[in-house]
Amino acid sequence: MKNIIKIVFSSILFLFALTISAQEDIPIVIEDFIEQHELLITYRGNDGEIDWESKNEINKKIRFFIEEKYPNVVSTRNIMWDSYETYLSPYDRYHYHTFICAVQLKGISRMKYLNVNYYPNNQKVNSKYVWDIETKDFVEKQNEEVSEE
């Protein structure tokens, strides 16, 4: 009987530890969505466009991410806010900002554009795009290649 209790207790403890390790990200609450929406209203200029230049910390994270992930990028010239996406269901919640970055690449004279996503709840940057040597452009990764953040 003691062995059965130990096995059940060990199983419960193992499942609890597994659940905790699977939850790397901070859970998103409704207030996070409200905060991001209010930021968008705050950064809206007189012309209705979002002025994200004042968010220097996010721009620094995006530049650092591009330097780390894309060694063929010489410089990042322009980071422009593109969109904000949210998803809310009983099973999943996420939100992120998409930025378009104008980058200068080694051996290519004209600028290329790269989409990156910024996740405000864990303050990480990621991109679904990789450099394709054949087409000399950024292409979206296939689903099996995408690593979750």
N, C-alpha and C. Protein backbone atom coordinates (compact mmCIF):
# COMPACT_ATOMS: atom_id res chain seq x y z
N MET A 1 0.82 -1.20 0.00
CA MET A 1 0.00 0.00 0.00
C MET A 1 0.86 1.26 0.00
N LYS A 2 1.96 1.22 0.78
CA LYS A 2 2.85 2.37 0.83
C LYS A 2 3.50 2.62 -0.53
N ASN A 3 3.82 1.53 -1.22
CA ASN A 3 4.43 1.66 -2.55
C ASN A 3 3.47 2.31 -3.54
N ILE A 4 2.20 1.97 -3.46
CA ILE A 4 1.20 2.55 -4.36
C ILE A 4 1.07 4.05 -4.08
N ILE A 5 1.05 4.41 -2.80
CA ILE A 5 0.95 5.83 -2.43
C ILE A 5 2.18 6.58 -2.92
N LYS A 6 3.35 5.98 -2.78
CA LYS A 6 4.58 6.62 -3.25
C LYS A 6 4.56 6.80 -4.76
N ILE A 7 4.09 5.80 -5.46
CA ILE A 7 4.03 5.88 -6.93
C ILE A 7 3.04 6.96 -7.36
N VAL A 8 1.87 7.01 -6.74
CA VAL A 8 0.87 8.01 -7.07
C VAL A 8 1.39 9.41 -6.74
N PHE A 9 1.99 9.56 -5.56
CA PHE A 9 2.53 10.85 -5.17
C PHE A 9 3.66 11.28 -6.11
N SER A 10 4.53 10.35 -6.49
CA SER A 10 5.63 10.65 -7.42
C SER A 10 5.09 11.05 -8.78
N SER A 11 4.04 10.37 -9.22
CA SER A 11 3.44 10.70 -10.52
C SER A 11 2.84 12.10 -10.50
N ILE A 12 2.15 12.42 -9.42
CA ILE A 12 1.55 13.74 -9.31
C ILE A 12 2.63 14.81 -9.27
N LEU A 13 3.68 14.56 -8.51
CA LEU A 13 4.79 15.51 -8.42
C LEU A 13 5.46 15.68 -9.79
N PHE A 14 5.65 14.59 -10.51
CA PHE A 14 6.26 14.65 -11.85
C PHE A 14 5.39 15.46 -12.81
N LEU A 15 4.09 15.22 -12.80
CA LEU A 15 3.19 15.96 -13.69
C LEU A 15 3.15 17.44 -13.34
N PHE A 16 3.19 17.75 -12.06
CA PHE A 16 3.22 19.15 -11.62
C PHE A 16 4.49 19.83 -12.10
N ALA A 17 5.63 19.16 -11.95
CA ALA A 17 6.91 19.73 -12.40
C ALA A 17 6.92 19.90 -13.92
N LEU A 18 6.36 18.95 -14.63
CA LEU A 18 6.28 19.03 -16.08
C LEU A 18 5.42 20.20 -16.52
N THR A 19 4.31 20.43 -15.85
CA THR A 19 3.42 21.54 -16.17
C THR A 19 4.10 22.87 -15.92
N ILE A 20 4.82 22.98 -14.82
CA ILE A 20 5.52 24.23 -14.50
C ILE A 20 6.61 24.50 -15.53
N SER A 21 7.37 23.50 -15.92
CA SER A 21 8.44 23.71 -16.90
C SER A 21 7.89 24.04 -18.28
N ALA A 22 6.69 23.58 -18.59
CA ALA A 22 6.09 23.87 -19.90
C ALA A 22 5.60 25.30 -19.98
N GLN A 23 5.37 25.95 -18.84
CA GLN A 23 4.86 27.31 -18.82
C GLN A 23 6.01 28.29 -18.70
N GLU A 24 6.80 28.43 -19.75
CA GLU A 24 7.94 29.33 -19.74
C GLU A 24 7.51 30.78 -19.73
N ASP A 25 6.46 31.09 -20.46
CA ASP A 25 6.02 32.47 -20.61
C ASP A 25 5.13 32.89 -19.45
N ILE A 26 5.10 34.18 -19.24
CA ILE A 26 4.21 34.75 -18.25
C ILE A 26 2.81 34.68 -18.84
N PRO A 27 1.83 34.20 -18.09
CA PRO A 27 0.48 34.12 -18.64
C PRO A 27 -0.06 35.51 -19.00
N ILE A 28 -0.73 35.58 -20.12
CA ILE A 28 -1.28 36.85 -20.60
C ILE A 28 -2.66 37.04 -19.99
N VAL A 29 -2.87 38.21 -19.42
CA VAL A 29 -4.16 38.54 -18.85
C VAL A 29 -4.79 39.67 -19.67
N ILE A 30 -6.06 39.90 -19.48
CA ILE A 30 -6.79 40.90 -20.26
C ILE A 30 -6.15 42.28 -20.12
N GLU A 31 -5.62 42.59 -18.95
CA GLU A 31 -4.99 43.89 -18.72
C GLU A 31 -3.82 44.12 -19.67
N ASP A 32 -3.12 43.04 -20.07
CA ASP A 32 -2.01 43.16 -21.03
C ASP A 32 -2.51 43.66 -22.38
N PHE A 33 -3.66 43.14 -22.83
CA PHE A 33 -4.24 43.59 -24.09
C PHE A 33 -4.64 45.07 -23.99
N ILE A 34 -5.25 45.42 -22.87
CA ILE A 34 -5.68 46.81 -22.67
C ILE A 34 -4.48 47.74 -22.68
N GLU A 35 -3.41 47.35 -22.00
CA GLU A 35 -2.20 48.18 -21.95
C GLU A 35 -1.62 48.40 -23.34
N GLN A 36 -1.55 47.35 -24.16
CA GLN A 36 -1.01 47.50 -25.51
C GLN A 36 -1.91 48.39 -26.36
N HIS A 37 -3.22 48.26 -26.21
CA HIS A 37 -4.14 49.10 -26.96
C HIS A 37 -3.96 50.57 -26.58
N GLU A 38 -3.80 50.83 -25.28
CA GLU A 38 -3.59 52.20 -24.83
C GLU A 38 -2.27 52.76 -25.34
N LEU A 39 -1.24 51.92 -25.43
CA LEU A 39 0.04 52.36 -26.00
C LEU A 39 -0.14 52.78 -27.45
N LEU A 40 -0.92 52.02 -28.19
CA LEU A 40 -1.15 52.36 -29.60
C LEU A 40 -1.86 53.70 -29.72
N ILE A 41 -2.80 53.96 -28.84
CA ILE A 41 -3.49 55.26 -28.86
C ILE A 41 -2.52 56.37 -28.51
N THR A 42 -1.64 56.13 -27.53
CA THR A 42 -0.66 57.13 -27.10
C THR A 42 0.32 57.48 -28.20
N TYR A 43 0.76 56.47 -28.96
CA TYR A 43 1.77 56.69 -29.99
C TYR A 43 1.20 57.12 -31.33
N ARG A 44 -0.10 57.33 -31.40
CA ARG A 44 -0.72 57.75 -32.66
C ARG A 44 -0.45 59.23 -32.87
N GLY A 45 0.06 59.55 -34.03
CA GLY A 45 0.37 60.93 -34.37
C GLY A 45 -0.86 61.67 -34.88
N ASN A 46 -0.67 62.93 -35.24
CA ASN A 46 -1.78 63.75 -35.76
C ASN A 46 -2.33 63.21 -37.07
N ASP A 47 -1.47 62.52 -37.84
CA ASP A 47 -1.91 61.98 -39.12
C ASP A 47 -2.54 60.59 -39.00
N GLY A 48 -2.64 60.08 -37.77
CA GLY A 48 -3.25 58.76 -37.56
C GLY A 48 -2.26 57.62 -37.62
N GLU A 49 -1.01 57.89 -38.01
CA GLU A 49 0.02 56.85 -38.07
C GLU A 49 0.61 56.61 -36.69
N ILE A 50 1.04 55.39 -36.45
CA ILE A 50 1.68 55.04 -35.17
C ILE A 50 3.14 55.45 -35.25
N ASP A 51 3.59 56.27 -34.28
CA ASP A 51 4.98 56.70 -34.20
C ASP A 51 5.67 55.85 -33.14
N TRP A 52 6.37 54.83 -33.59
CA TRP A 52 6.99 53.89 -32.67
C TRP A 52 8.45 54.25 -32.40
N GLU A 53 8.94 55.31 -32.97
CA GLU A 53 10.34 55.70 -32.78
C GLU A 53 10.67 55.95 -31.32
N SER A 54 9.69 56.36 -30.53
CA SER A 54 9.94 56.67 -29.13
C SER A 54 10.16 55.41 -28.29
N LYS A 55 9.92 54.24 -28.86
CA LYS A 55 10.13 52.99 -28.15
C LYS A 55 11.55 52.47 -28.45
N ASN A 56 12.56 53.21 -28.01
CA ASN A 56 13.95 52.87 -28.32
C ASN A 56 14.37 51.50 -27.80
N GLU A 57 13.85 51.08 -26.66
CA GLU A 57 14.24 49.78 -26.10
C GLU A 57 13.81 48.64 -27.02
N ILE A 58 12.62 48.74 -27.57
CA ILE A 58 12.16 47.70 -28.50
C ILE A 58 13.01 47.73 -29.76
N ASN A 59 13.32 48.92 -30.26
CA ASN A 59 14.16 49.04 -31.45
C ASN A 59 15.53 48.41 -31.20
N LYS A 60 16.10 48.61 -30.01
CA LYS A 60 17.40 48.01 -29.68
C LYS A 60 17.30 46.49 -29.68
N LYS A 61 16.22 45.95 -29.11
CA LYS A 61 16.04 44.49 -29.09
C LYS A 61 15.91 43.94 -30.50
N ILE A 62 15.20 44.66 -31.35
CA ILE A 62 15.03 44.21 -32.73
C ILE A 62 16.37 44.24 -33.47
N ARG A 63 17.13 45.32 -33.30
CA ARG A 63 18.45 45.41 -33.94
C ARG A 63 19.37 44.28 -33.46
N PHE A 64 19.39 44.04 -32.16
CA PHE A 64 20.23 42.98 -31.61
C PHE A 64 19.81 41.62 -32.16
N PHE A 65 18.50 41.36 -32.22
CA PHE A 65 18.00 40.10 -32.77
C PHE A 65 18.46 39.90 -34.21
N ILE A 66 18.34 40.96 -35.02
CA ILE A 66 18.73 40.86 -36.43
C ILE A 66 20.24 40.60 -36.55
N GLU A 67 21.05 41.29 -35.75
CA GLU A 67 22.50 41.07 -35.76
C GLU A 67 22.85 39.63 -35.40
N GLU A 68 22.15 39.07 -34.42
CA GLU A 68 22.43 37.71 -33.95
C GLU A 68 21.96 36.65 -34.95
N LYS A 69 20.76 36.81 -35.49
CA LYS A 69 20.16 35.76 -36.32
C LYS A 69 20.59 35.81 -37.78
N TYR A 70 20.89 36.99 -38.28
CA TYR A 70 21.21 37.15 -39.70
C TYR A 70 22.61 37.74 -39.85
N PRO A 71 23.63 36.89 -39.91
CA PRO A 71 25.01 37.40 -39.99
C PRO A 71 25.33 38.11 -41.30
N ASN A 72 24.51 37.93 -42.34
CA ASN A 72 24.75 38.60 -43.61
C ASN A 72 24.20 40.03 -43.64
N VAL A 73 23.56 40.48 -42.54
CA VAL A 73 23.04 41.85 -42.47
C VAL A 73 24.16 42.77 -41.99
N VAL A 74 24.42 43.80 -42.80
CA VAL A 74 25.45 44.78 -42.47
C VAL A 74 24.89 45.82 -41.50
N SER A 75 23.69 46.31 -41.79
CA SER A 75 23.09 47.32 -40.91
C SER A 75 21.57 47.29 -41.05
N THR A 76 20.92 47.77 -39.99
CA THR A 76 19.47 47.93 -39.97
C THR A 76 19.21 49.42 -40.05
N ARG A 77 18.63 49.86 -41.13
CA ARG A 77 18.47 51.29 -41.38
C ARG A 77 17.18 51.86 -40.80
N ASN A 78 16.12 51.09 -40.86
CA ASN A 78 14.82 51.64 -40.51
C ASN A 78 13.97 50.54 -39.88
N ILE A 79 13.34 50.84 -38.76
CA ILE A 79 12.42 49.90 -38.12
C ILE A 79 11.06 50.59 -38.06
N MET A 80 10.09 50.02 -38.78
CA MET A 80 8.77 50.64 -38.87
C MET A 80 7.71 49.72 -38.27
N TRP A 81 6.89 50.26 -37.40
CA TRP A 81 5.79 49.48 -36.84
C TRP A 81 4.80 49.18 -37.95
N ASP A 82 4.33 47.93 -38.00
CA ASP A 82 3.40 47.54 -39.06
C ASP A 82 2.01 47.21 -38.51
N SER A 83 1.95 46.33 -37.49
CA SER A 83 0.64 45.91 -37.01
C SER A 83 0.72 45.32 -35.61
N TYR A 84 -0.44 45.15 -35.03
CA TYR A 84 -0.58 44.53 -33.71
C TYR A 84 -1.62 43.45 -33.84
N GLU A 85 -1.29 42.22 -33.45
CA GLU A 85 -2.22 41.11 -33.58
C GLU A 85 -2.49 40.51 -32.21
N THR A 86 -3.75 40.21 -31.96
CA THR A 86 -4.15 39.58 -30.71
C THR A 86 -4.96 38.34 -31.03
N TYR A 87 -4.92 37.40 -30.10
CA TYR A 87 -5.75 36.21 -30.21
C TYR A 87 -6.18 35.84 -28.80
N LEU A 88 -7.45 35.63 -28.61
CA LEU A 88 -7.98 35.33 -27.30
C LEU A 88 -9.05 34.25 -27.44
N SER A 89 -8.83 33.12 -26.79
CA SER A 89 -9.81 32.05 -26.78
C SER A 89 -9.76 31.38 -25.41
N PRO A 90 -10.67 30.49 -25.12
CA PRO A 90 -10.61 29.80 -23.82
C PRO A 90 -9.34 28.95 -23.67
N TYR A 91 -8.69 28.62 -24.77
CA TYR A 91 -7.54 27.72 -24.72
C TYR A 91 -6.20 28.40 -24.93
N ASP A 92 -6.19 29.56 -25.56
CA ASP A 92 -4.92 30.19 -25.89
C ASP A 92 -5.09 31.71 -25.94
N ARG A 93 -4.01 32.40 -25.58
CA ARG A 93 -3.99 33.87 -25.66
C ARG A 93 -2.60 34.28 -26.11
N TYR A 94 -2.56 35.17 -27.07
CA TYR A 94 -1.28 35.75 -27.43
C TYR A 94 -1.50 37.11 -28.08
N HIS A 95 -0.44 37.88 -28.10
CA HIS A 95 -0.46 39.16 -28.79
C HIS A 95 0.97 39.54 -29.12
N TYR A 96 1.13 40.21 -30.25
CA TYR A 96 2.46 40.64 -30.67
C TYR A 96 2.35 41.78 -31.66
N HIS A 97 3.45 42.52 -31.77
CA HIS A 97 3.57 43.61 -32.73
C HIS A 97 4.45 43.11 -33.87
N THR A 98 4.13 43.51 -35.09
CA THR A 98 4.97 43.20 -36.24
C THR A 98 5.65 44.47 -36.70
N PHE A 99 6.95 44.37 -36.94
CA PHE A 99 7.75 45.49 -37.42
C PHE A 99 8.37 45.10 -38.75
N ILE A 100 8.48 46.07 -39.64
CA ILE A 100 9.18 45.88 -40.91
C ILE A 100 10.52 46.59 -40.79
N CYS A 101 11.58 45.86 -41.04
CA CYS A 101 12.93 46.40 -40.90
C CYS A 101 13.61 46.47 -42.26
N ALA A 102 14.11 47.65 -42.59
CA ALA A 102 14.90 47.81 -43.81
C ALA A 102 16.35 47.48 -43.45
N VAL A 103 16.91 46.49 -44.13
CA VAL A 103 18.26 46.05 -43.80
C VAL A 103 19.16 46.10 -45.03
N GLN A 104 20.42 46.39 -44.78
CA GLN A 104 21.44 46.35 -45.83
C GLN A 104 22.21 45.05 -45.67
N LEU A 105 22.35 44.30 -46.78
CA LEU A 105 23.02 43.00 -46.74
C LEU A 105 24.36 43.04 -47.45
N LYS A 106 25.25 42.14 -47.03
CA LYS A 106 26.57 42.03 -47.67
C LYS A 106 26.39 41.62 -49.13
N GLY A 107 27.05 42.33 -50.02
CA GLY A 107 27.04 41.97 -51.44
C GLY A 107 25.78 42.32 -52.20
N ILE A 108 24.83 43.00 -51.58
CA ILE A 108 23.59 43.38 -52.26
C ILE A 108 23.44 44.89 -52.12
N SER A 109 23.27 45.57 -53.26
CA SER A 109 23.28 47.03 -53.25
C SER A 109 21.97 47.65 -52.74
N ARG A 110 20.85 46.99 -52.97
CA ARG A 110 19.59 47.62 -52.55
C ARG A 110 19.11 47.04 -51.22
N MET A 111 18.29 47.82 -50.54
CA MET A 111 17.76 47.42 -49.23
C MET A 111 16.78 46.26 -49.38
N LYS A 112 16.76 45.41 -48.38
CA LYS A 112 15.78 44.32 -48.30
C LYS A 112 14.93 44.58 -47.06
N TYR A 113 13.74 44.00 -47.04
CA TYR A 113 12.83 44.21 -45.93
C TYR A 113 12.54 42.89 -45.22
N LEU A 114 12.57 42.96 -43.89
CA LEU A 114 12.40 41.78 -43.05
C LEU A 114 11.31 42.05 -42.02
N ASN A 115 10.37 41.13 -41.88
CA ASN A 115 9.33 41.25 -40.85
C ASN A 115 9.80 40.54 -39.58
N VAL A 116 9.68 41.23 -38.45
CA VAL A 116 9.98 40.62 -37.15
C VAL A 116 8.81 40.86 -36.22
N ASN A 117 8.63 39.97 -35.27
CA ASN A 117 7.56 40.09 -34.29
C ASN A 117 8.14 40.37 -32.92
N TYR A 118 7.49 41.27 -32.18
CA TYR A 118 7.86 41.58 -30.81
C TYR A 118 6.72 41.15 -29.90
N TYR A 119 7.05 40.29 -28.92
CA TYR A 119 6.07 39.76 -27.98
C TYR A 119 6.17 40.53 -26.67
N PRO A 120 5.20 41.41 -26.36
CA PRO A 120 5.32 42.27 -25.18
C PRO A 120 5.28 41.54 -23.84
N ASN A 121 4.64 40.37 -23.77
CA ASN A 121 4.54 39.74 -22.46
C ASN A 121 5.86 39.13 -22.00
N ASN A 122 6.72 38.67 -22.93
CA ASN A 122 8.04 38.17 -22.52
C ASN A 122 9.17 39.03 -23.09
N GLN A 123 8.82 40.08 -23.81
CA GLN A 123 9.76 41.05 -24.38
C GLN A 123 10.81 40.39 -25.28
N LYS A 124 10.37 39.42 -26.07
CA LYS A 124 11.27 38.74 -27.00
C LYS A 124 10.92 39.12 -28.43
N VAL A 125 11.90 38.96 -29.29
CA VAL A 125 11.75 39.24 -30.71
C VAL A 125 11.99 37.94 -31.47
N ASN A 126 11.21 37.71 -32.51
CA ASN A 126 11.37 36.51 -33.32
C ASN A 126 10.94 36.84 -34.75
N SER A 127 11.34 36.00 -35.67
CA SER A 127 10.94 36.17 -37.06
C SER A 127 10.71 34.81 -37.70
N LYS A 128 9.75 34.76 -38.59
CA LYS A 128 9.45 33.54 -39.32
C LYS A 128 10.20 33.49 -40.65
N TYR A 129 11.11 34.44 -40.86
CA TYR A 129 11.78 34.55 -42.15
C TYR A 129 13.25 34.14 -42.05
N VAL A 130 13.72 33.50 -43.11
CA VAL A 130 15.13 33.12 -43.24
C VAL A 130 15.64 33.66 -44.57
N TRP A 131 16.96 33.82 -44.67
CA TRP A 131 17.56 34.29 -45.90
C TRP A 131 17.69 33.13 -46.87
N ASP A 132 17.20 33.33 -48.10
CA ASP A 132 17.30 32.31 -49.14
C ASP A 132 18.35 32.77 -50.15
N ILE A 133 19.41 32.01 -50.27
CA ILE A 133 20.53 32.38 -51.15
C ILE A 133 20.10 32.37 -52.62
N GLU A 134 19.26 31.41 -53.00
CA GLU A 134 18.84 31.29 -54.40
C GLU A 134 18.03 32.49 -54.88
N THR A 135 17.04 32.90 -54.09
CA THR A 135 16.19 34.01 -54.49
C THR A 135 16.75 35.36 -54.06
N LYS A 136 17.78 35.33 -53.21
CA LYS A 136 18.39 36.54 -52.65
C LYS A 136 17.34 37.43 -52.00
N ASP A 137 16.53 36.78 -51.15
CA ASP A 137 15.48 37.50 -50.43
C ASP A 137 15.12 36.70 -49.17
N PHE A 138 14.39 37.34 -48.28
CA PHE A 138 13.90 36.67 -47.09
C PHE A 138 12.64 35.91 -47.45
N VAL A 139 12.56 34.64 -47.03
CA VAL A 139 11.38 33.82 -47.29
C VAL A 139 10.87 33.27 -45.96
N GLU A 140 9.57 33.05 -45.91
CA GLU A 140 8.97 32.54 -44.68
C GLU A 140 9.33 31.07 -44.49
N LYS A 141 9.66 30.71 -43.25
CA LYS A 141 10.00 29.33 -42.91
C LYS A 141 8.77 28.45 -43.04
N GLN A 142 9.02 27.17 -43.29
CA GLN A 142 7.94 26.20 -43.27
C GLN A 142 7.59 25.91 -41.82
N ASN A 143 6.38 25.40 -41.55
CA ASN A 143 5.91 25.17 -40.18
C ASN A 143 6.84 24.31 -39.35
N GLU A 144 7.42 23.27 -39.93
CA GLU A 144 8.29 22.37 -39.15
C GLU A 144 9.61 23.06 -38.76
N GLU A 145 9.98 24.15 -39.46
CA GLU A 145 11.21 24.84 -39.15
C GLU A 145 11.04 25.92 -38.09
N VAL A 146 9.80 26.34 -37.85
CA VAL A 146 9.54 27.45 -36.93
C VAL A 146 9.74 26.97 -35.50
N SER A 147 10.60 27.69 -34.78
CA SER A 147 10.80 27.36 -33.37
C SER A 147 9.97 28.28 -32.52
N GLU A 148 9.30 27.72 -31.53
CA GLU A 148 8.45 28.54 -30.67
C GLU A 148 9.28 29.26 -29.64
N GLU A 149 8.85 30.46 -29.31
CA GLU A 149 9.53 31.26 -28.28
C GLU A 149 8.84 31.10 -26.98
